[in-house]
PDB file of N, CA and C in Angstrom:
ATOM      1  N   MET A   1      48.821 151.581  95.620  1.00  0.00           N
ATOM      2  CA  MET A   1      49.516 150.213  95.173  1.00  0.00           C
ATOM      3  C   MET A   1      49.466 149.208  96.299  1.00  0.00           C
ATOM      4  N   PRO A   2      49.210 149.520  97.454  1.00  0.00           N
ATOM      5  CA  PRO A   2      49.135 148.620  98.548  1.00  0.00           C
ATOM      6  C   PRO A   2      48.073 147.405  98.321  1.00  0.00           C
ATOM      7  N   ASN A   3      46.944 147.906  97.475  1.00  0.00           N
ATOM      8  CA  ASN A   3      45.981 146.938  97.309  1.00  0.00           C
ATOM      9  C   ASN A   3      46.118 145.897  96.154  1.00  0.00           C
ATOM     10  N   GLN A   4      47.333 145.937  95.563  1.00  0.00           N
ATOM     11  CA  GLN A   4      47.476 145.211  94.397  1.00  0.00           C
ATOM     12  C   GLN A   4      47.954 143.731  94.829  1.00  0.00           C
ATOM     13  N   PRO A   5      47.496 142.787  94.339  1.00  0.00           N
ATOM     14  CA  PRO A   5      47.949 141.375  94.778  1.00  0.00           C
ATOM     15  C   PRO A   5      49.395 141.023  94.453  1.00  0.00           C
ATOM     16  N   LYS A   6      49.958 140.235  95.003  1.00  0.00           N
ATOM     17  CA  LYS A   6      51.342 139.674  94.739  1.00  0.00           C
ATOM     18  C   LYS A   6      51.064 138.818  93.465  1.00  0.00           C
ATOM     19  N   GLN A   7      51.914 139.119  92.691  1.00  0.00           N
ATOM     20  CA  GLN A   7      51.953 138.078  91.431  1.00  0.00           C
ATOM     21  C   GLN A   7      52.849 136.898  91.775  1.00  0.00           C
ATOM     22  N   LYS A   8      52.462 135.692  91.302  1.00  0.00           N
ATOM     23  CA  LYS A   8      52.957 134.571  91.545  1.00  0.00           C
ATOM     24  C   LYS A   8      54.321 134.456  90.625  1.00  0.00           C
ATOM     25  N   PRO A   9      55.376 133.980  91.062  1.00  0.00           N
ATOM     26  CA  PRO A   9      56.477 133.798  90.293  1.00  0.00           C
ATOM     27  C   PRO A   9      56.253 132.535  89.293  1.00  0.00           C
ATOM     28  N   PRO A  10      56.972 132.625  88.050  1.00  0.00           N
ATOM     29  CA  PRO A  10      56.806 131.540  87.215  1.00  0.00           C
ATOM     30  C   PRO A  10      57.175 130.031  87.934  1.00  0.00           C
ATOM     31  N   ALA A  11      56.852 128.927  87.320  1.00  0.00           N
ATOM     32  CA  ALA A  11      57.079 127.803  87.890  1.00  0.00           C
ATOM     33  C   ALA A  11      58.698 127.542  88.114  1.00  0.00           C
ATOM     34  N   GLU A  12      59.309 127.830  87.124  1.00  0.00           N
ATOM     35  CA  GLU A  12      60.846 127.755  87.103  1.00  0.00           C
ATOM     36  C   GLU A  12      61.475 128.486  88.252  1.00  0.00           C
ATOM     37  N   GLU A  13      60.961 129.831  88.342  1.00  0.00           N
ATOM     38  CA  GLU A  13      61.507 130.538  89.488  1.00  0.00           C
ATOM     39  C   GLU A  13      61.195 129.879  90.828  1.00  0.00           C
ATOM     40  N   LYS A  14      60.058 129.429  90.955  1.00  0.00           N
ATOM     41  CA  LYS A  14      59.571 128.921  92.285  1.00  0.00           C
ATOM     42  C   LYS A  14      60.432 127.677  92.643  1.00  0.00           C
ATOM     43  N   ASN A  15      60.878 126.797  91.413  1.00  0.00           N
ATOM     44  CA  ASN A  15      61.592 125.671  91.828  1.00  0.00           C
ATOM     45  C   ASN A  15      62.985 125.922  92.133  1.00  0.00           C
ATOM     46  N   ARG A  16      63.456 126.964  91.798  1.00  0.00           N
ATOM     47  CA  ARG A  16      64.858 127.599  91.934  1.00  0.00           C
ATOM     48  C   ARG A  16      65.011 128.363  93.409  1.00  0.00           C
ATOM     49  N   GLY A  17      64.121 128.219  94.166  1.00  0.00           N
ATOM     50  CA  GLY A  17      64.182 128.996  95.472  1.00  0.00           C
ATOM     51  C   GLY A  17      63.971 130.396  95.185  1.00  0.00           C
ATOM     52  N   GLY A  18      63.246 130.996  94.344  1.00  0.00           N
ATOM     53  CA  GLY A  18      63.043 132.316  94.139  1.00  0.00           C
ATOM     54  C   GLY A  18      64.208 133.073  93.216  1.00  0.00           C
ATOM     55  N   ARG A  19      65.133 132.326  92.829  1.00  0.00           N
ATOM     56  CA  ARG A  19      66.273 132.770  91.945  1.00  0.00           C
ATOM     57  C   ARG A  19      65.777 132.877  90.506  1.00  0.00           C
ATOM     58  N   PRO A  20      66.159 133.728  89.854  1.00  0.00           N
ATOM     59  CA  PRO A  20      65.735 133.759  88.248  1.00  0.00           C
ATOM     60  C   PRO A  20      66.054 132.495  87.607  1.00  0.00           C
ATOM     61  N   PRO A  21      65.233 132.127  86.693  1.00  0.00           N
ATOM     62  CA  PRO A  21      65.483 130.880  85.892  1.00  0.00           C
ATOM     63  C   PRO A  21      66.672 130.928  85.088  1.00  0.00           C
ATOM     64  N   LEU A  22      67.402 129.758  84.940  1.00  0.00           N
ATOM     65  CA  LEU A  22      68.750 129.890  84.035  1.00  0.00           C
ATOM     66  C   LEU A  22      68.312 129.988  82.669  1.00  0.00           C
ATOM     67  N   ASP A  23      68.979 130.673  81.833  1.00  0.00           N
ATOM     68  CA  ASP A  23      68.782 130.622  80.480  1.00  0.00           C
ATOM     69  C   ASP A  23      69.136 129.335  79.928  1.00  0.00           C
ATOM     70  N   PRO A  24      68.543 129.096  78.735  1.00  0.00           N
ATOM     71  CA  PRO A  24      68.864 127.640  78.064  1.00  0.00           C
ATOM     72  C   PRO A  24      70.273 127.254  77.857  1.00  0.00           C
ATOM     73  N   ALA A  25      70.983 128.408  77.318  1.00  0.00           N
ATOM     74  CA  ALA A  25      72.625 128.092  77.169  1.00  0.00           C
ATOM     75  C   ALA A  25      73.200 127.743  78.382  1.00  0.00           C
ATOM     76  N   LYS A  26      72.939 128.631  79.591  1.00  0.00           N
ATOM     77  CA  LYS A  26      73.643 128.161  80.793  1.00  0.00           C
ATOM     78  C   LYS A  26      73.218 126.868  81.362  1.00  0.00           C
ATOM     79  N   ARG A  27      71.953 126.447  81.187  1.00  0.00           N
ATOM     80  CA  ARG A  27      71.566 125.231  81.434  1.00  0.00           C
ATOM     81  C   ARG A  27      72.140 124.042  80.863  1.00  0.00           C
ATOM     82  N   SER A  28      72.254 124.265  79.594  1.00  0.00           N
ATOM     83  CA  SER A  28      73.239 123.348  78.672  1.00  0.00           C
ATOM     84  C   SER A  28      74.371 123.135  79.059  1.00  0.00           C
ATOM     85  N   THR A  29      75.188 124.279  79.402  1.00  0.00           N
ATOM     86  CA  THR A  29      76.535 124.330  79.834  1.00  0.00           C
ATOM     87  C   THR A  29      76.556 123.662  81.068  1.00  0.00           C
ATOM     88  N   LEU A  30      75.802 123.976  82.048  1.00  0.00           N
ATOM     89  CA  LEU A  30      75.738 123.108  83.449  1.00  0.00           C
ATOM     90  C   LEU A  30      75.624 121.774  83.193  1.00  0.00           C
ATOM     91  N   TYR A  31      74.690 121.337  82.253  1.00  0.00           N
ATOM     92  CA  TYR A  31      74.410 119.911  82.254  1.00  0.00           C
ATOM     93  C   TYR A  31      75.555 119.100  81.524  1.00  0.00           C
ATOM     94  N   GLU A  32      76.292 119.815  80.585  1.00  0.00           N
ATOM     95  CA  GLU A  32      77.428 119.441  79.885  1.00  0.00           C
ATOM     96  C   GLU A  32      78.769 119.160  81.049  1.00  0.00           C
ATOM     97  N   GLU A  33      78.961 120.105  81.724  1.00  0.00           N
ATOM     98  CA  GLU A  33      79.909 120.016  82.923  1.00  0.00           C
ATOM     99  C   GLU A  33      79.598 118.902  83.884  1.00  0.00           C
ATOM    100  N   GLN A  34      78.317 118.777  84.334  1.00  0.00           N
ATOM    101  CA  GLN A  34      78.043 117.848  85.096  1.00  0.00           C
ATOM    102  C   GLN A  34      78.149 116.313  84.454  1.00  0.00           C
ATOM    103  N   ARG A  35      77.807 116.169  83.153  1.00  0.00           N
ATOM    104  CA  ARG A  35      78.086 114.918  82.491  1.00  0.00           C
ATOM    105  C   ARG A  35      79.658 114.732  82.256  1.00  0.00           C
ATOM    106  N   ARG A  36      80.375 115.742  82.080  1.00  0.00           N
ATOM    107  CA  ARG A  36      81.943 115.540  81.930  1.00  0.00           C
ATOM    108  C   ARG A  36      82.395 115.187  83.318  1.00  0.00           C
ATOM    109  N   ARG A  37      81.883 115.748  84.328  1.00  0.00           N
ATOM    110  CA  ARG A  37      82.594 115.366  85.523  1.00  0.00           C
ATOM    111  C   ARG A  37      82.199 114.076  86.037  1.00  0.00           C
ATOM    112  N   THR A  38      80.995 113.575  85.807  1.00  0.00           N
ATOM    113  CA  THR A  38      80.590 112.241  86.143  1.00  0.00           C
ATOM    114  C   THR A  38      81.268 111.246  85.317  1.00  0.00           C
ATOM    115  N   ALA A  39      81.627 111.484  83.927  1.00  0.00           N
ATOM    116  CA  ALA A  39      82.479 110.631  83.207  1.00  0.00           C
ATOM    117  C   ALA A  39      83.779 110.635  83.648  1.00  0.00           C
ATOM    118  N   ALA A  40      84.383 111.735  84.143  1.00  0.00           N
ATOM    119  CA  ALA A  40      85.938 111.600  84.669  1.00  0.00           C
ATOM    120  C   ALA A  40      85.952 110.978  86.022  1.00  0.00           C
ATOM    121  N   MET A  41      84.913 111.103  86.756  1.00  0.00           N
ATOM    122  CA  MET A  41      84.867 110.105  88.089  1.00  0.00           C
ATOM    123  C   MET A  41      84.712 108.688  87.988  1.00  0.00           C
ATOM    124  N   ALA A  42      83.884 108.497  86.871  1.00  0.00           N
ATOM    125  CA  ALA A  42      83.879 106.943  86.601  1.00  0.00           C
ATOM    126  C   ALA A  42      85.043 106.505  85.885  1.00  0.00           C
ATOM    127  N   GLU A  43      85.771 107.219  85.085  1.00  0.00           N
ATOM    128  CA  GLU A  43      86.980 106.819  84.461  1.00  0.00           C
ATOM    129  C   GLU A  43      87.981 106.576  85.464  1.00  0.00           C
ATOM    130  N   ARG A  44      88.131 107.556  86.562  1.00  0.00           N
ATOM    131  CA  ARG A  44      89.078 107.419  87.670  1.00  0.00           C
ATOM    132  C   ARG A  44      88.613 106.313  88.620  1.00  0.00           C
ATOM    133  N   GLU A  45      87.445 105.957  88.737  1.00  0.00           N
ATOM    134  CA  GLU A  45      87.026 104.764  89.485  1.00  0.00           C
ATOM    135  C   GLU A  45      87.500 103.424  88.663  1.00  0.00           C
ATOM    136  N   GLU A  46      87.296 103.401  87.417  1.00  0.00           N
ATOM    137  CA  GLU A  46      87.621 102.280  86.594  1.00  0.00           C
ATOM    138  C   GLU A  46      89.344 102.031  86.651  1.00  0.00           C
ATOM    139  N   LEU A  47      89.876 103.105  86.446  1.00  0.00           N
ATOM    140  CA  LEU A  47      91.450 102.891  86.473  1.00  0.00           C
ATOM    141  C   LEU A  47      91.909 102.532  87.868  1.00  0.00           C
ATOM    142  N   ARG A  48      91.290 102.944  88.915  1.00  0.00           N
ATOM    143  CA  ARG A  48      91.399 102.488  90.228  1.00  0.00           C
ATOM    144  C   ARG A  48      91.342 101.093  90.425  1.00  0.00           C
ATOM    145  N   ASN A  49      90.168 100.573  90.027  1.00  0.00           N
ATOM    146  CA  ASN A  49      89.862  99.228  90.061  1.00  0.00           C
ATOM    147  C   ASN A  49      90.777  98.339  89.240  1.00  0.00           C
ATOM    148  N   ARG A  50      91.199  98.764  88.127  1.00  0.00           N
ATOM    149  CA  ARG A  50      91.976  98.014  87.336  1.00  0.00           C
ATOM    150  C   ARG A  50      93.362  97.979  87.856  1.00  0.00           C
ATOM    151  N   LYS A  51      93.826  98.962  88.593  1.00  0.00           N
ATOM    152  CA  LYS A  51      95.246  99.065  89.254  1.00  0.00           C
ATOM    153  C   LYS A  51      95.099  97.928  90.515  1.00  0.00           C
ATOM    154  N   LEU A  52      94.034  98.037  91.199  1.00  0.00           N
ATOM    155  CA  LEU A  52      93.935  97.032  92.365  1.00  0.00           C
ATOM    156  C   LEU A  52      94.029  95.620  91.740  1.00  0.00           C
ATOM    157  N   LYS A  53      93.321  95.392  90.763  1.00  0.00           N
ATOM    158  CA  LYS A  53      93.241  93.976  90.123  1.00  0.00           C
ATOM    159  C   LYS A  53      94.729  93.600  89.523  1.00  0.00           C
ATOM    160  N   GLY A  54      95.478  94.494  89.422  1.00  0.00           N
ATOM    161  CA  GLY A  54      96.838  94.158  88.937  1.00  0.00           C
ATOM    162  C   GLY A  54      96.903  94.335  87.422  1.00  0.00           C
ATOM    163  N   GLU A  55      95.869  94.797  86.812  1.00  0.00           N
ATOM    164  CA  GLU A  55      95.823  95.041  85.301  1.00  0.00           C
ATOM    165  C   GLU A  55      96.756  96.265  84.851  1.00  0.00           C
ATOM    166  N   LEU A  56      96.760  97.072  85.880  1.00  0.00           N
ATOM    167  CA  LEU A  56      97.657  98.331  85.368  1.00  0.00           C
ATOM    168  C   LEU A  56      98.728  98.492  86.250  1.00  0.00           C
ATOM    169  N   VAL A  57      99.833  99.036  85.899  1.00  0.00           N
ATOM    170  CA  VAL A  57     100.958  99.496  86.730  1.00  0.00           C
ATOM    171  C   VAL A  57     101.430 100.851  86.466  1.00  0.00           C
ATOM    172  N   SER A  58     102.215 101.429  87.457  1.00  0.00           N
ATOM    173  CA  SER A  58     102.468 102.968  87.218  1.00  0.00           C
ATOM    174  C   SER A  58     103.566 103.090  86.172  1.00  0.00           C
ATOM    175  N   ARG A  59     103.495 104.139  85.590  1.00  0.00           N
ATOM    176  CA  ARG A  59     104.485 104.516  84.491  1.00  0.00           C
ATOM    177  C   ARG A  59     105.812 104.544  85.107  1.00  0.00           C
ATOM    178  N   ALA A  60     105.944 105.049  86.356  1.00  0.00           N
ATOM    179  CA  ALA A  60     107.416 105.192  86.927  1.00  0.00           C
ATOM    180  C   ALA A  60     107.989 103.742  87.140  1.00  0.00           C
ATOM    181  N   ASP A  61     107.013 102.639  87.489  1.00  0.00           N
ATOM    182  CA  ASP A  61     107.643 101.328  87.634  1.00  0.00           C
ATOM    183  C   ASP A  61     108.104 100.790  86.338  1.00  0.00           C
ATOM    184  N   ILE A  62     107.358 100.981  85.267  1.00  0.00           N
ATOM    185  CA  ILE A  62     107.745 100.678  83.858  1.00  0.00           C
ATOM    186  C   ILE A  62     109.074 101.197  83.557  1.00  0.00           C
ATOM    187  N   GLU A  63     109.206 102.500  83.677  1.00  0.00           N
ATOM    188  CA  GLU A  63     110.228 103.107  83.121  1.00  0.00           C
ATOM    189  C   GLU A  63     111.634 102.589  84.087  1.00  0.00           C
ATOM    190  N   ALA A  64     111.313 102.442  85.463  1.00  0.00           N
ATOM    191  CA  ALA A  64     112.456 101.930  86.299  1.00  0.00           C
ATOM    192  C   ALA A  64     112.835 100.381  85.871  1.00  0.00           C
ATOM    193  N   GLN A  65     111.863  99.654  85.416  1.00  0.00           N
ATOM    194  CA  GLN A  65     112.132  98.458  84.980  1.00  0.00           C
ATOM    195  C   GLN A  65     112.928  98.377  83.695  1.00  0.00           C
ATOM    196  N   TRP A  66     112.460  99.233  82.776  1.00  0.00           N
ATOM    197  CA  TRP A  66     113.150  99.254  81.321  1.00  0.00           C
ATOM    198  C   TRP A  66     114.657  99.806  81.599  1.00  0.00           C
ATOM    199  N   PHE A  67     114.821 100.715  82.358  1.00  0.00           N
ATOM    200  CA  PHE A  67     116.069 101.161  82.614  1.00  0.00           C
ATOM    201  C   PHE A  67     117.025 100.072  83.142  1.00  0.00           C
ATOM    202  N   LYS A  68     116.684  99.311  84.066  1.00  0.00           N
ATOM    203  CA  LYS A  68     117.144  98.120  84.703  1.00  0.00           C
ATOM    204  C   LYS A  68     117.494  97.285  83.625  1.00  0.00           C
ATOM    205  N   VAL A  69     116.603  96.892  82.657  1.00  0.00           N
ATOM    206  CA  VAL A  69     116.936  95.955  81.605  1.00  0.00           C
ATOM    207  C   VAL A  69     117.759  96.496  80.566  1.00  0.00           C
ATOM    208  N   GLY A  70     117.777  97.806  80.359  1.00  0.00           N
ATOM    209  CA  GLY A  70     118.743  98.534  79.465  1.00  0.00           C
ATOM    210  C   GLY A  70     120.307  98.487  80.120  1.00  0.00           C
ATOM    211  N   ARG A  71     120.155  98.743  81.314  1.00  0.00           N
ATOM    212  CA  ARG A  71     121.453  98.630  81.921  1.00  0.00           C
ATOM    213  C   ARG A  71     122.115  97.059  81.938  1.00  0.00           C
ATOM    214  N   GLN A  72     121.263  96.067  82.221  1.00  0.00           N
ATOM    215  CA  GLN A  72     121.726  94.632  82.131  1.00  0.00           C
ATOM    216  C   GLN A  72     122.294  94.292  80.712  1.00  0.00           C
ATOM    217  N   THR A  73     121.525  94.880  79.772  1.00  0.00           N
ATOM    218  CA  THR A  73     121.908  94.363  78.395  1.00  0.00           C
ATOM    219  C   THR A  73     123.126  95.091  78.134  1.00  0.00           C
ATOM    220  N   ARG A  74     123.254  96.363  78.464  1.00  0.00           N
ATOM    221  CA  ARG A  74     124.514  97.085  78.087  1.00  0.00           C
ATOM    222  C   ARG A  74     125.792  96.373  78.793  1.00  0.00           C
ATOM    223  N   ASP A  75     125.528  96.008  80.162  1.00  0.00           N
ATOM    224  CA  ASP A  75     126.684  95.246  80.762  1.00  0.00           C
ATOM    225  C   ASP A  75     126.977  94.062  80.203  1.00  0.00           C
ATOM    226  N   ALA A  76     126.096  93.348  79.893  1.00  0.00           N
ATOM    227  CA  ALA A  76     126.155  92.005  79.397  1.00  0.00           C
ATOM    228  C   ALA A  76     126.952  92.008  78.101  1.00  0.00           C
ATOM    229  N   LEU A  77     126.660  93.007  77.133  1.00  0.00           N
ATOM    230  CA  LEU A  77     127.313  93.025  75.871  1.00  0.00           C
ATOM    231  C   LEU A  77     128.584  93.757  75.904  1.00  0.00           C
ATOM    232  N   GLN A  78     128.889  94.577  76.846  1.00  0.00           N
ATOM    233  CA  GLN A  78     130.257  95.174  76.880  1.00  0.00           C
ATOM    234  C   GLN A  78     131.060  94.147  77.689  1.00  0.00           C
ATOM    235  N   ASN A  79     130.581  93.136  78.277  1.00  0.00           N
ATOM    236  CA  ASN A  79     131.648  92.278  78.898  1.00  0.00           C
ATOM    237  C   ASN A  79     132.039  91.034  78.021  1.00  0.00           C
ATOM    238  N   ILE A  80     131.181  91.161  76.922  1.00  0.00           N
ATOM    239  CA  ILE A  80     131.801  89.972  76.111  1.00  0.00           C
ATOM    240  C   ILE A  80     133.157  90.200  75.459  1.00  0.00           C
ATOM    241  N   PRO A  81     133.548  91.121  75.114  1.00  0.00           N
ATOM    242  CA  PRO A  81     135.027  91.317  74.499  1.00  0.00           C
ATOM    243  C   PRO A  81     136.026  90.762  75.576  1.00  0.00           C
ATOM    244  N   ALA A  82     135.888  91.281  76.635  1.00  0.00           N
ATOM    245  CA  ALA A  82     136.712  90.891  77.860  1.00  0.00           C
ATOM    246  C   ALA A  82     136.784  89.338  78.134  1.00  0.00           C
ATOM    247  N   ARG A  83     135.729  88.836  78.041  1.00  0.00           N
ATOM    248  CA  ARG A  83     135.573  87.239  78.079  1.00  0.00           C
ATOM    249  C   ARG A  83     136.178  86.485  77.120  1.00  0.00           C
ATOM    250  N   ILE A  84     136.047  86.979  75.848  1.00  0.00           N
ATOM    251  CA  ILE A  84     136.289  86.086  74.728  1.00  0.00           C
ATOM    252  C   ILE A  84     137.552  86.503  73.956  1.00  0.00           C
ATOM    253  N   ALA A  85     138.179  87.647  74.223  1.00  0.00           N
ATOM    254  CA  ALA A  85     139.342  88.173  73.521  1.00  0.00           C
ATOM    255  C   ALA A  85     140.447  86.958  73.281  1.00  0.00           C
ATOM    256  N   GLY A  86     140.675  86.394  74.499  1.00  0.00           N
ATOM    257  CA  GLY A  86     141.915  85.456  74.368  1.00  0.00           C
ATOM    258  C   GLY A  86     141.520  84.176  73.575  1.00  0.00           C
ATOM    259  N   LEU A  87     140.227  83.795  73.683  1.00  0.00           N
ATOM    260  CA  LEU A  87     139.740  82.542  72.876  1.00  0.00           C
ATOM    261  C   LEU A  87     139.817  82.941  71.389  1.00  0.00           C
ATOM    262  N   VAL A  88     139.258  84.240  70.977  1.00  0.00           N
ATOM    263  CA  VAL A  88     139.289  84.625  69.697  1.00  0.00           C
ATOM    264  C   VAL A  88     140.672  84.889  69.068  1.00  0.00           C
ATOM    265  N   ALA A  89     141.563  85.303  69.913  1.00  0.00           N
ATOM    266  CA  ALA A  89     142.858  85.620  69.379  1.00  0.00           C
ATOM    267  C   ALA A  89     143.677  84.337  69.158  1.00  0.00           C
ATOM    268  N   ALA A  90     143.309  83.131  69.920  1.00  0.00           N
ATOM    269  CA  ALA A  90     143.857  82.029  69.804  1.00  0.00           C
ATOM    270  C   ALA A  90     143.518  81.307  68.524  1.00  0.00           C
ATOM    271  N   GLU A  91     142.376  81.571  67.966  1.00  0.00           N
ATOM    272  CA  GLU A  91     141.703  80.830  66.884  1.00  0.00           C
ATOM    273  C   GLU A  91     142.351  81.500  65.480  1.00  0.00           C
ATOM    274  N   LYS A  92     142.680  80.541  64.563  1.00  0.00           N
ATOM    275  CA  LYS A  92     143.148  81.013  63.330  1.00  0.00           C
ATOM    276  C   LYS A  92     142.073  80.843  62.191  1.00  0.00           C
ATOM    277  N   LYS A  93     141.049  80.236  62.380  1.00  0.00           N
ATOM    278  CA  LYS A  93     139.930  80.092  61.528  1.00  0.00           C
ATOM    279  C   LYS A  93     138.669  81.134  61.651  1.00  0.00           C
ATOM    280  N   GLN A  94     138.182  81.666  60.849  1.00  0.00           N
ATOM    281  CA  GLN A  94     137.241  82.657  60.980  1.00  0.00           C
ATOM    282  C   GLN A  94     135.838  81.998  61.366  1.00  0.00           C
ATOM    283  N   ASP A  95     135.568  80.825  61.029  1.00  0.00           N
ATOM    284  CA  ASP A  95     134.418  80.026  61.514  1.00  0.00           C
ATOM    285  C   ASP A  95     134.315  79.856  62.930  1.00  0.00           C
ATOM    286  N   LYS A  96     135.635  79.482  63.485  1.00  0.00           N
ATOM    287  CA  LYS A  96     135.751  79.197  65.095  1.00  0.00           C
ATOM    288  C   LYS A  96     135.507  80.483  65.730  1.00  0.00           C
ATOM    289  N   CYS A  97     135.980  81.803  65.321  1.00  0.00           N
ATOM    290  CA  CYS A  97     135.906  82.994  65.802  1.00  0.00           C
ATOM    291  C   CYS A  97     134.467  83.371  65.835  1.00  0.00           C
ATOM    292  N   PHE A  98     133.910  83.103  64.647  1.00  0.00           N
ATOM    293  CA  PHE A  98     132.346  83.604  64.750  1.00  0.00           C
ATOM    294  C   PHE A  98     131.543  82.562  65.587  1.00  0.00           C
ATOM    295  N   ALA A  99     131.921  81.395  65.787  1.00  0.00           N
ATOM    296  CA  ALA A  99     131.170  80.404  66.874  1.00  0.00           C
ATOM    297  C   ALA A  99     131.359  80.906  68.102  1.00  0.00           C
ATOM    298  N   ILE A 100     132.484  81.385  68.445  1.00  0.00           N
ATOM    299  CA  ILE A 100     132.883  81.791  69.831  1.00  0.00           C
ATOM    300  C   ILE A 100     132.067  83.039  70.181  1.00  0.00           C
ATOM    301  N   ILE A 101     132.053  83.942  69.143  1.00  0.00           N
ATOM    302  CA  ILE A 101     131.248  85.266  69.489  1.00  0.00           C
ATOM    303  C   ILE A 101     129.891  85.058  69.513  1.00  0.00           C
ATOM    304  N   GLU A 102     129.242  84.267  68.533  1.00  0.00           N
ATOM    305  CA  GLU A 102     127.950  83.957  68.515  1.00  0.00           C
ATOM    306  C   GLU A 102     127.461  83.332  69.836  1.00  0.00           C
ATOM    307  N   LYS A 103     128.229  82.380  70.334  1.00  0.00           N
ATOM    308  CA  LYS A 103     127.994  81.576  71.487  1.00  0.00           C
ATOM    309  C   LYS A 103     127.857  82.617  72.605  1.00  0.00           C
ATOM    310  N   GLU A 104     128.717  83.598  72.851  1.00  0.00           N
ATOM    311  CA  GLU A 104     128.731  84.438  73.966  1.00  0.00           C
ATOM    312  C   GLU A 104     127.700  85.434  73.776  1.00  0.00           C
ATOM    313  N   ILE A 105     127.335  85.922  72.704  1.00  0.00           N
ATOM    314  CA  ILE A 105     126.199  86.924  72.509  1.00  0.00           C
ATOM    315  C   ILE A 105     124.839  86.177  72.793  1.00  0.00           C
ATOM    316  N   ARG A 106     124.828  84.918  72.400  1.00  0.00           N
ATOM    317  CA  ARG A 106     123.499  84.300  72.945  1.00  0.00           C
ATOM    318  C   ARG A 106     123.357  83.927  74.315  1.00  0.00           C
ATOM    319  N   GLN A 107     124.482  83.632  75.072  1.00  0.00           N
ATOM    320  CA  GLN A 107     124.555  83.475  76.388  1.00  0.00           C
ATOM    321  C   GLN A 107     124.155  84.786  77.009  1.00  0.00           C
ATOM    322  N   ALA A 108     124.752  85.744  76.575  1.00  0.00           N
ATOM    323  CA  ALA A 108     124.549  87.172  77.229  1.00  0.00           C
ATOM    324  C   ALA A 108     122.803  87.509  77.083  1.00  0.00           C
ATOM    325  N   LEU A 109     122.386  87.246  75.957  1.00  0.00           N
ATOM    326  CA  LEU A 109     121.010  87.566  75.870  1.00  0.00           C
ATOM    327  C   LEU A 109     120.041  86.570  76.596  1.00  0.00           C
ATOM    328  N   GLU A 110     120.374  85.389  76.618  1.00  0.00           N
ATOM    329  CA  GLU A 110     119.540  84.359  77.341  1.00  0.00           C
ATOM    330  C   GLU A 110     119.628  84.717  78.830  1.00  0.00           C
ATOM    331  N   GLY A 111     120.793  85.315  79.291  1.00  0.00           N
ATOM    332  CA  GLY A 111     120.872  85.700  80.778  1.00  0.00           C
ATOM    333  C   GLY A 111     119.832  86.762  81.100  1.00  0.00           C
ATOM    334  N   LEU A 112     119.312  87.598  80.107  1.00  0.00           N
ATOM    335  CA  LEU A 112     118.438  88.755  80.309  1.00  0.00           C
ATOM    336  C   LEU A 112     117.090  88.169  80.262  1.00  0.00           C
ATOM    337  N   ALA A 113     116.625  87.066  79.608  1.00  0.00           N
ATOM    338  CA  ALA A 113     115.302  86.720  79.507  1.00  0.00           C
ATOM    339  C   ALA A 113     114.864  86.383  80.948  1.00  0.00           C
ATOM    340  N   PRO A 114     113.549  86.718  81.127  1.00  0.00           N
ATOM    341  CA  PRO A 114     112.903  86.478  82.270  1.00  0.00           C
ATOM    342  C   PRO A 114     112.668  84.940  82.745  1.00  0.00           C
TER     343      PRO A 114
END
């Protein structure tokens, strides 16, 4: 058998450094994984660029801001009765009471506007 010539490996084997060729299912899976990874990297880069441009803000910043707005709204509305109780008690007409209450609510809400 020493006289037998060496057989050349198929072209695919040769291109893979002597390793056996990938079967088509694994090749497809590898391609899909590379495609998914490339898409994820592009998406991360896009998000990073949008954040640097100021187009995106963090969820934690938004939640903190909404908490602050909610607290300010609650405080402003809860303080209305203490501010107007004497004024409303002194009024005998319903329309005057309504006007006082409405004015205070408007002022409280306007104070929250940016």
